[in-house]
Amino acid sequence: MYVCICHALNDKKVKAALDQGATTPASVFRHHNCQVQCGKCVPTMRSMASEHRAVMAQQAAIAATPAAAPCCGTAMPEPANAEAIPAYAVAAE
């Protein structure tokens, strides 16, 4: 889909600029060595940049969370007397 008809910038070119560090419509234009002409594409580029920042923040948050323990060998063993006792049984004693 064409985002900027004046400079023939499609969504793939805009996404490529965003992936390489562009954060605003102006920086997308600078990335492609052009300037805004009619301005009709600016709101679309703003929303694309906002969505891109949100996805990057979400990926960074996922990467920052500690990894779960591997399934083999390194997990803490369960104690031998750790039988599952329902809460009502404890209260009845």
PDB file of N, CA and C in Angstrom:
ATOM      1  N   MET A   1       0.845  -1.167   0.000  1.00  0.00           N
ATOM      2  CA  MET A   1       0.000   0.000   0.000  1.00  0.00           C
ATOM      3  C   MET A   1       0.897   1.239   0.000  1.00  0.00           C
ATOM      4  N   TYR A   2       0.550   2.192  -0.828  1.00  0.00           N
ATOM      5  CA  TYR A   2       1.302   3.441  -0.857  1.00  0.00           C
ATOM      6  C   TYR A   2       0.898   4.313   0.324  1.00  0.00           C
ATOM      7  N   VAL A   3       1.890   4.799   1.026  1.00  0.00           N
ATOM      8  CA  VAL A   3       1.655   5.709   2.142  1.00  0.00           C
ATOM      9  C   VAL A   3       1.831   7.133   1.645  1.00  0.00           C
ATOM     10  N   CYS A   4       2.903   7.376   0.911  1.00  0.00           N
ATOM     11  CA  CYS A   4       3.193   8.699   0.363  1.00  0.00           C
ATOM     12  C   CYS A   4       3.255   8.589  -1.153  1.00  0.00           C
ATOM     13  N   ILE A   5       2.242   9.116  -1.806  1.00  0.00           N
ATOM     14  CA  ILE A   5       2.192   9.054  -3.264  1.00  0.00           C
ATOM     15  C   ILE A   5       3.194  10.042  -3.872  1.00  0.00           C
ATOM     16  N   CYS A   6       3.424  11.150  -3.224  1.00  0.00           N
ATOM     17  CA  CYS A   6       4.345  12.159  -3.748  1.00  0.00           C
ATOM     18  C   CYS A   6       5.748  11.597  -3.968  1.00  0.00           C
ATOM     19  N   HIS A   7       6.191  10.704  -3.074  1.00  0.00           N
ATOM     20  CA  HIS A   7       7.544  10.152  -3.149  1.00  0.00           C
ATOM     21  C   HIS A   7       7.548   8.644  -3.366  1.00  0.00           C
ATOM     22  N   ALA A   8       6.399   8.064  -3.678  1.00  0.00           N
ATOM     23  CA  ALA A   8       6.255   6.634  -3.933  1.00  0.00           C
ATOM     24  C   ALA A   8       6.798   5.802  -2.770  1.00  0.00           C
ATOM     25  N   LEU A   9       6.465   6.231  -1.545  1.00  0.00           N
ATOM     26  CA  LEU A   9       6.861   5.469  -0.361  1.00  0.00           C
ATOM     27  C   LEU A   9       5.713   4.540   0.011  1.00  0.00           C
ATOM     28  N   ASN A  10       5.967   3.246  -0.067  1.00  0.00           N
ATOM     29  CA  ASN A  10       4.940   2.298   0.343  1.00  0.00           C
ATOM     30  C   ASN A  10       5.166   1.895   1.793  1.00  0.00           C
ATOM     31  N   ASP A  11       4.267   1.077   2.311  1.00  0.00           N
ATOM     32  CA  ASP A  11       4.359   0.701   3.724  1.00  0.00           C
ATOM     33  C   ASP A  11       5.631  -0.082   4.025  1.00  0.00           C
ATOM     34  N   LYS A  12       6.130  -0.854   3.076  1.00  0.00           N
ATOM     35  CA  LYS A  12       7.367  -1.599   3.302  1.00  0.00           C
ATOM     36  C   LYS A  12       8.556  -0.657   3.473  1.00  0.00           C
ATOM     37  N   LYS A  13       8.605   0.400   2.672  1.00  0.00           N
ATOM     38  CA  LYS A  13       9.701   1.364   2.790  1.00  0.00           C
ATOM     39  C   LYS A  13       9.612   2.134   4.100  1.00  0.00           C
ATOM     40  N   VAL A  14       8.393   2.471   4.509  1.00  0.00           N
ATOM     41  CA  VAL A  14       8.213   3.177   5.777  1.00  0.00           C
ATOM     42  C   VAL A  14       8.613   2.263   6.937  1.00  0.00           C
ATOM     43  N   LYS A  15       8.193   1.008   6.895  1.00  0.00           N
ATOM     44  CA  LYS A  15       8.551   0.057   7.957  1.00  0.00           C
ATOM     45  C   LYS A  15      10.055  -0.173   8.002  1.00  0.00           C
ATOM     46  N   ALA A  16      10.693  -0.203   6.831  1.00  0.00           N
ATOM     47  CA  ALA A  16      12.149  -0.372   6.804  1.00  0.00           C
ATOM     48  C   ALA A  16      12.838   0.807   7.472  1.00  0.00           C
ATOM     49  N   ALA A  17      12.348   2.013   7.224  1.00  0.00           N
ATOM     50  CA  ALA A  17      12.917   3.202   7.870  1.00  0.00           C
ATOM     51  C   ALA A  17      12.695   3.154   9.374  1.00  0.00           C
ATOM     52  N   LEU A  18      11.513   2.723   9.792  1.00  0.00           N
ATOM     53  CA  LEU A  18      11.225   2.610  11.226  1.00  0.00           C
ATOM     54  C   LEU A  18      12.119   1.556  11.875  1.00  0.00           C
ATOM     55  N   ASP A  19      12.343   0.458  11.181  1.00  0.00           N
ATOM     56  CA  ASP A  19      13.212  -0.592  11.716  1.00  0.00           C
ATOM     57  C   ASP A  19      14.655  -0.116  11.866  1.00  0.00           C
ATOM     58  N   GLN A  20      15.046   0.860  11.052  1.00  0.00           N
ATOM     59  CA  GLN A  20      16.421   1.346  11.108  1.00  0.00           C
ATOM     60  C   GLN A  20      16.561   2.587  11.972  1.00  0.00           C
ATOM     61  N   GLY A  21      15.533   2.906  12.754  1.00  0.00           N
ATOM     62  CA  GLY A  21      15.676   3.951  13.750  1.00  0.00           C
ATOM     63  C   GLY A  21      14.841   5.193  13.565  1.00  0.00           C
ATOM     64  N   ALA A  22      14.118   5.316  12.475  1.00  0.00           N
ATOM     65  CA  ALA A  22      13.248   6.476  12.294  1.00  0.00           C
ATOM     66  C   ALA A  22      12.112   6.398  13.312  1.00  0.00           C
ATOM     67  N   THR A  23      11.749   7.545  13.886  1.00  0.00           N
ATOM     68  CA  THR A  23      10.700   7.549  14.903  1.00  0.00           C
ATOM     69  C   THR A  23       9.564   8.512  14.589  1.00  0.00           C
ATOM     70  N   THR A  24       9.750   9.374  13.603  1.00  0.00           N
ATOM     71  CA  THR A  24       8.737  10.354  13.233  1.00  0.00           C
ATOM     72  C   THR A  24       8.607  10.371  11.715  1.00  0.00           C
ATOM     73  N   PRO A  25       7.529  10.958  11.193  1.00  0.00           N
ATOM     74  CA  PRO A  25       7.423  11.092   9.739  1.00  0.00           C
ATOM     75  C   PRO A  25       8.612  11.861   9.132  1.00  0.00           C
ATOM     76  N   ALA A  26       9.068  12.889   9.826  1.00  0.00           N
ATOM     77  CA  ALA A  26      10.211  13.655   9.312  1.00  0.00           C
ATOM     78  C   ALA A  26      11.451  12.778   9.195  1.00  0.00           C
ATOM     79  N   SER A  27      11.669  11.921  10.181  1.00  0.00           N
ATOM     80  CA  SER A  27      12.846  11.050  10.113  1.00  0.00           C
ATOM     81  C   SER A  27      12.678   9.961   9.050  1.00  0.00           C
ATOM     82  N   VAL A  28      11.439   9.552   8.767  1.00  0.00           N
ATOM     83  CA  VAL A  28      11.206   8.615   7.667  1.00  0.00           C
ATOM     84  C   VAL A  28      11.571   9.281   6.349  1.00  0.00           C
ATOM     85  N   PHE A  29      11.154  10.534   6.179  1.00  0.00           N
ATOM     86  CA  PHE A  29      11.495  11.267   4.952  1.00  0.00           C
ATOM     87  C   PHE A  29      13.005  11.461   4.837  1.00  0.00           C
ATOM     88  N   ARG A  30      13.659  11.823   5.945  1.00  0.00           N
ATOM     89  CA  ARG A  30      15.115  11.987   5.907  1.00  0.00           C
ATOM     90  C   ARG A  30      15.799  10.677   5.552  1.00  0.00           C
ATOM     91  N   HIS A  31      15.277   9.585   6.055  1.00  0.00           N
ATOM     92  CA  HIS A  31      15.849   8.274   5.748  1.00  0.00           C
ATOM     93  C   HIS A  31      15.826   8.009   4.238  1.00  0.00           C
ATOM     94  N   HIS A  32      14.789   8.474   3.583  1.00  0.00           N
ATOM     95  CA  HIS A  32      14.638   8.264   2.140  1.00  0.00           C
ATOM     96  C   HIS A  32      15.088   9.486   1.325  1.00  0.00           C
ATOM     97  N   ASN A  33      15.781  10.415   1.953  1.00  0.00           N
ATOM     98  CA  ASN A  33      16.333  11.604   1.288  1.00  0.00           C
ATOM     99  C   ASN A  33      15.273  12.404   0.533  1.00  0.00           C
ATOM    100  N   CYS A  34      14.161  12.678   1.220  1.00  0.00           N
ATOM    101  CA  CYS A  34      13.116  13.512   0.626  1.00  0.00           C
ATOM    102  C   CYS A  34      12.464  14.341   1.729  1.00  0.00           C
ATOM    103  N   GLN A  35      11.546  15.213   1.332  1.00  0.00           N
ATOM    104  CA  GLN A  35      10.848  16.081   2.280  1.00  0.00           C
ATOM    105  C   GLN A  35       9.349  15.971   2.058  1.00  0.00           C
ATOM    106  N   VAL A  36       8.592  16.371   3.054  1.00  0.00           N
ATOM    107  CA  VAL A  36       7.132  16.360   2.949  1.00  0.00           C
ATOM    108  C   VAL A  36       6.710  17.326   1.855  1.00  0.00           C
ATOM    109  N   GLN A  37       5.754  16.884   1.028  1.00  0.00           N
ATOM    110  CA  GLN A  37       5.228  17.792   0.009  1.00  0.00           C
ATOM    111  C   GLN A  37       3.784  18.173   0.329  1.00  0.00           C
ATOM    112  N   CYS A  38       2.852  17.259   0.163  1.00  0.00           N
ATOM    113  CA  CYS A  38       1.449  17.625   0.398  1.00  0.00           C
ATOM    114  C   CYS A  38       1.028  17.394   1.843  1.00  0.00           C
ATOM    115  N   GLY A  39       1.664  16.468   2.549  1.00  0.00           N
ATOM    116  CA  GLY A  39       1.375  16.231   3.952  1.00  0.00           C
ATOM    117  C   GLY A  39       0.238  15.274   4.240  1.00  0.00           C
ATOM    118  N   LYS A  40      -0.415  14.735   3.221  1.00  0.00           N
ATOM    119  CA  LYS A  40      -1.534  13.823   3.462  1.00  0.00           C
ATOM    120  C   LYS A  40      -1.089  12.499   4.078  1.00  0.00           C
ATOM    121  N   CYS A  41       0.178  12.163   3.924  1.00  0.00           N
ATOM    122  CA  CYS A  41       0.685  10.889   4.446  1.00  0.00           C
ATOM    123  C   CYS A  41       1.129  10.984   5.903  1.00  0.00           C
ATOM    124  N   VAL A  42       1.278  12.181   6.422  1.00  0.00           N
ATOM    125  CA  VAL A  42       1.835  12.371   7.761  1.00  0.00           C
ATOM    126  C   VAL A  42       1.011  11.674   8.844  1.00  0.00           C
ATOM    127  N   PRO A  43      -0.312  11.783   8.879  1.00  0.00           N
ATOM    128  CA  PRO A  43      -1.067  11.067   9.922  1.00  0.00           C
ATOM    129  C   PRO A  43      -0.883   9.548   9.856  1.00  0.00           C
ATOM    130  N   THR A  44      -0.827   9.001   8.654  1.00  0.00           N
ATOM    131  CA  THR A  44      -0.621   7.558   8.508  1.00  0.00           C
ATOM    132  C   THR A  44       0.760   7.169   9.007  1.00  0.00           C
ATOM    133  N   MET A  45       1.765   7.958   8.665  1.00  0.00           N
ATOM    134  CA  MET A  45       3.121   7.667   9.135  1.00  0.00           C
ATOM    135  C   MET A  45       3.220   7.802  10.648  1.00  0.00           C
ATOM    136  N   ARG A  46       2.515   8.775  11.215  1.00  0.00           N
ATOM    137  CA  ARG A  46       2.520   8.923  12.672  1.00  0.00           C
ATOM    138  C   ARG A  46       1.947   7.686  13.344  1.00  0.00           C
ATOM    139  N   SER A  47       0.828   7.194  12.814  1.00  0.00           N
ATOM    140  CA  SER A  47       0.224   6.005  13.426  1.00  0.00           C
ATOM    141  C   SER A  47       1.111   4.779  13.230  1.00  0.00           C
ATOM    142  N   MET A  48       1.763   4.666  12.075  1.00  0.00           N
ATOM    143  CA  MET A  48       2.684   3.547  11.850  1.00  0.00           C
ATOM    144  C   MET A  48       3.862   3.628  12.818  1.00  0.00           C
ATOM    145  N   ALA A  49       4.383   4.828  13.042  1.00  0.00           N
ATOM    146  CA  ALA A  49       5.503   5.007  13.974  1.00  0.00           C
ATOM    147  C   ALA A  49       5.068   4.689  15.401  1.00  0.00           C
ATOM    148  N   SER A  50       3.869   5.105  15.768  1.00  0.00           N
ATOM    149  CA  SER A  50       3.358   4.826  17.107  1.00  0.00           C
ATOM    150  C   SER A  50       3.186   3.321  17.323  1.00  0.00           C
ATOM    151  N   GLU A  51       2.618   2.636  16.341  1.00  0.00           N
ATOM    152  CA  GLU A  51       2.454   1.189  16.437  1.00  0.00           C
ATOM    153  C   GLU A  51       3.818   0.498  16.514  1.00  0.00           C
ATOM    154  N   HIS A  52       4.767   0.982  15.747  1.00  0.00           N
ATOM    155  CA  HIS A  52       6.104   0.392  15.746  1.00  0.00           C
ATOM    156  C   HIS A  52       6.759   0.552  17.112  1.00  0.00           C
ATOM    157  N   ARG A  53       6.623   1.739  17.724  1.00  0.00           N
ATOM    158  CA  ARG A  53       7.182   1.957  19.063  1.00  0.00           C
ATOM    159  C   ARG A  53       6.520   1.037  20.074  1.00  0.00           C
ATOM    160  N   ALA A  54       5.214   0.849  19.961  1.00  0.00           N
ATOM    161  CA  ALA A  54       4.501  -0.026  20.893  1.00  0.00           C
ATOM    162  C   ALA A  54       4.976  -1.471  20.755  1.00  0.00           C
ATOM    163  N   VAL A  55       5.159  -1.924  19.532  1.00  0.00           N
ATOM    164  CA  VAL A  55       5.635  -3.296  19.310  1.00  0.00           C
ATOM    165  C   VAL A  55       7.048  -3.451  19.846  1.00  0.00           C
ATOM    166  N   MET A  56       7.900  -2.468  19.606  1.00  0.00           N
ATOM    167  CA  MET A  56       9.276  -2.538  20.100  1.00  0.00           C
ATOM    168  C   MET A  56       9.313  -2.536  21.630  1.00  0.00           C
ATOM    169  N   ALA A  57       8.465  -1.734  22.255  1.00  0.00           N
ATOM    170  CA  ALA A  57       8.406  -1.700  23.721  1.00  0.00           C
ATOM    171  C   ALA A  57       7.920  -3.033  24.273  1.00  0.00           C
ATOM    172  N   GLN A  58       6.945  -3.624  23.602  1.00  0.00           N
ATOM    173  CA  GLN A  58       6.430  -4.920  24.040  1.00  0.00           C
ATOM    174  C   GLN A  58       7.506  -5.988  23.900  1.00  0.00           C
ATOM    175  N   GLN A  59       8.237  -5.971  22.800  1.00  0.00           N
ATOM    176  CA  GLN A  59       9.313  -6.952  22.606  1.00  0.00           C
ATOM    177  C   GLN A  59      10.422  -6.745  23.621  1.00  0.00           C
ATOM    178  N   ALA A  60      10.717  -5.498  23.958  1.00  0.00           N
ATOM    179  CA  ALA A  60      11.746  -5.221  24.958  1.00  0.00           C
ATOM    180  C   ALA A  60      11.302  -5.712  26.332  1.00  0.00           C
ATOM    181  N   ALA A  61      10.016  -5.553  26.637  1.00  0.00           N
ATOM    182  CA  ALA A  61       9.501  -6.012  27.923  1.00  0.00           C
ATOM    183  C   ALA A  61       9.553  -7.532  28.007  1.00  0.00           C
ATOM    184  N   ILE A  62       9.250  -8.191  26.913  1.00  0.00           N
ATOM    185  CA  ILE A  62       9.303  -9.651  26.895  1.00  0.00           C
ATOM    186  C   ILE A  62      10.745 -10.122  27.056  1.00  0.00           C
ATOM    187  N   ALA A  63      11.657  -9.442  26.391  1.00  0.00           N
ATOM    188  CA  ALA A  63      13.067  -9.824  26.481  1.00  0.00           C
ATOM    189  C   ALA A  63      13.634  -9.562  27.876  1.00  0.00           C
ATOM    190  N   ALA A  64      13.075  -8.592  28.594  1.00  0.00           N
ATOM    191  CA  ALA A  64      13.585  -8.238  29.914  1.00  0.00           C
ATOM    192  C   ALA A  64      13.074  -9.160  31.020  1.00  0.00           C
ATOM    193  N   THR A  65      12.007  -9.887  30.751  1.00  0.00           N
ATOM    194  CA  THR A  65      11.480 -10.789  31.777  1.00  0.00           C
ATOM    195  C   THR A  65      12.422 -11.974  31.938  1.00  0.00           C
ATOM    196  N   PRO A  66      12.610 -12.433  33.163  1.00  0.00           N
ATOM    197  CA  PRO A  66      13.506 -13.567  33.367  1.00  0.00           C
ATOM    198  C   PRO A  66      12.945 -14.822  32.705  1.00  0.00           C
ATOM    199  N   ALA A  67      13.833 -15.590  32.163  1.00  0.00           N
ATOM    200  CA  ALA A  67      13.422 -16.812  31.480  1.00  0.00           C
ATOM    201  C   ALA A  67      12.996 -17.855  32.506  1.00  0.00           C
ATOM    202  N   ALA A  68      12.059 -18.673  32.117  1.00  0.00           N
ATOM    203  CA  ALA A  68      11.607 -19.754  32.991  1.00  0.00           C
ATOM    204  C   ALA A  68      12.715 -20.794  33.105  1.00  0.00           C
ATOM    205  N   ALA A  69      12.712 -21.504  34.210  1.00  0.00           N
ATOM    206  CA  ALA A  69      13.724 -22.540  34.421  1.00  0.00           C
ATOM    207  C   ALA A  69      13.573 -23.624  33.365  1.00  0.00           C
ATOM    208  N   PRO A  70      14.660 -24.125  32.862  1.00  0.00           N
ATOM    209  CA  PRO A  70      14.570 -25.207  31.880  1.00  0.00           C
ATOM    210  C   PRO A  70      13.893 -26.430  32.481  1.00  0.00           C
ATOM    211  N   CYS A  71      13.331 -27.246  31.658  1.00  0.00           N
ATOM    212  CA  CYS A  71      12.549 -28.375  32.147  1.00  0.00           C
ATOM    213  C   CYS A  71      13.398 -29.547  32.623  1.00  0.00           C
ATOM    214  N   CYS A  72      14.630 -29.563  32.297  1.00  0.00           N
ATOM    215  CA  CYS A  72      15.426 -30.767  32.585  1.00  0.00           C
ATOM    216  C   CYS A  72      16.554 -30.480  33.562  1.00  0.00           C
ATOM    217  N   GLY A  73      16.507 -31.066  34.734  1.00  0.00           N
ATOM    218  CA  GLY A  73      17.648 -31.119  35.616  1.00  0.00           C
ATOM    219  C   GLY A  73      17.919 -29.942  36.520  1.00  0.00           C
ATOM    220  N   THR A  74      17.541 -28.722  36.194  1.00  0.00           N
ATOM    221  CA  THR A  74      17.934 -27.594  37.024  1.00  0.00           C
ATOM    222  C   THR A  74      16.808 -27.083  37.914  1.00  0.00           C
ATOM    223  N   ALA A  75      15.608 -27.592  37.748  1.00  0.00           N
ATOM    224  CA  ALA A  75      14.505 -27.148  38.589  1.00  0.00           C
ATOM    225  C   ALA A  75      14.676 -27.712  40.000  1.00  0.00           C
ATOM    226  N   MET A  76      14.169 -26.980  40.977  1.00  0.00           N
ATOM    227  CA  MET A  76      14.265 -27.427  42.368  1.00  0.00           C
ATOM    228  C   MET A  76      13.394 -28.668  42.554  1.00  0.00           C
ATOM    229  N   PRO A  77      13.911 -29.703  43.203  1.00  0.00           N
ATOM    230  CA  PRO A  77      13.094 -30.894  43.421  1.00  0.00           C
ATOM    231  C   PRO A  77      11.999 -30.608  44.446  1.00  0.00           C
ATOM    232  N   GLU A  78      10.895 -31.301  44.293  1.00  0.00           N
ATOM    233  CA  GLU A  78       9.780 -31.143  45.219  1.00  0.00           C
ATOM    234  C   GLU A  78      10.071 -31.958  46.472  1.00  0.00           C
ATOM    235  N   PRO A  79       9.810 -31.414  47.665  1.00  0.00           N
ATOM    236  CA  PRO A  79      10.054 -32.179  48.887  1.00  0.00           C
ATOM    237  C   PRO A  79       9.195 -33.442  48.922  1.00  0.00           C
ATOM    238  N   ALA A  80       9.701 -34.455  49.588  1.00  0.00           N
ATOM    239  CA  ALA A  80       9.011 -35.742  49.643  1.00  0.00           C
ATOM    240  C   ALA A  80       7.687 -35.653  50.390  1.00  0.00           C
ATOM    241  N   ASN A  81       7.573 -34.756  51.354  1.00  0.00           N
ATOM    242  CA  ASN A  81       6.345 -34.668  52.142  1.00  0.00           C
ATOM    243  C   ASN A  81       5.411 -33.559  51.653  1.00  0.00           C
ATOM    244  N   ALA A  82       5.546 -33.160  50.435  1.00  0.00           N
ATOM    245  CA  ALA A  82       4.722 -32.073  49.904  1.00  0.00           C
ATOM    246  C   ALA A  82       3.463 -32.634  49.261  1.00  0.00           C
ATOM    247  N   GLU A  83       2.626 -33.226  50.045  1.00  0.00           N
ATOM    248  CA  GLU A  83       1.373 -33.752  49.536  1.00  0.00           C
ATOM    249  C   GLU A  83       0.381 -32.610  49.433  1.00  0.00           C
ATOM    250  N   ALA A  84      -0.425 -32.688  48.416  1.00  0.00           N
ATOM    251  CA  ALA A  84      -1.424 -31.645  48.214  1.00  0.00           C
ATOM    252  C   ALA A  84      -2.555 -31.838  49.214  1.00  0.00           C
ATOM    253  N   ILE A  85      -2.711 -30.894  50.127  1.00  0.00           N
ATOM    254  CA  ILE A  85      -3.771 -30.959  51.125  1.00  0.00           C
ATOM    255  C   ILE A  85      -4.735 -29.829  50.827  1.00  0.00           C
ATOM    256  N   PRO A  86      -5.974 -30.150  50.554  1.00  0.00           N
ATOM    257  CA  PRO A  86      -6.938 -29.073  50.285  1.00  0.00           C
ATOM    258  C   PRO A  86      -7.081 -28.163  51.497  1.00  0.00           C
ATOM    259  N   ALA A  87      -7.393 -26.929  51.277  1.00  0.00           N
ATOM    260  CA  ALA A  87      -7.493 -25.940  52.334  1.00  0.00           C
ATOM    261  C   ALA A  87      -8.573 -26.314  53.353  1.00  0.00           C
ATOM    262  N   TYR A  88      -9.676 -26.902  52.910  1.00  0.00           N
ATOM    263  CA  TYR A  88     -10.728 -27.253  53.862  1.00  0.00           C
ATOM    264  C   TYR A  88     -10.319 -28.363  54.810  1.00  0.00           C
ATOM    265  N   ALA A  89      -9.384 -29.228  54.382  1.00  0.00           N
ATOM    266  CA  ALA A  89      -8.933 -30.302  55.266  1.00  0.00           C
ATOM    267  C   ALA A  89      -8.088 -29.742  56.395  1.00  0.00           C
ATOM    268  N   VAL A  90      -7.296 -28.735  56.108  1.00  0.00           N
ATOM    269  CA  VAL A  90      -6.460 -28.126  57.127  1.00  0.00           C
ATOM    270  C   VAL A  90      -7.340 -27.421  58.167  1.00  0.00           C
ATOM    271  N   ALA A  91      -8.367 -26.741  57.708  1.00  0.00           N
ATOM    272  CA  ALA A  91      -9.243 -26.011  58.610  1.00  0.00           C
ATOM    273  C   ALA A  91     -10.070 -26.965  59.483  1.00  0.00           C
ATOM    274  N   ALA A  92     -10.321 -28.172  59.003  1.00  0.00           N
ATOM    275  CA  ALA A  92     -11.152 -29.128  59.745  1.00  0.00           C
ATOM    276  C   ALA A  92     -10.360 -29.791  60.863  1.00  0.00           C
ATOM    277  N   GLU A  93      -9.069 -29.724  60.858  1.00  0.00           N
ATOM    278  CA  GLU A  93      -8.263 -30.418  61.884  1.00  0.00           C
ATOM    279  C   GLU A  93      -8.321 -29.763  63.208  1.00  0.00           C
TER     280      GLU A  93
END
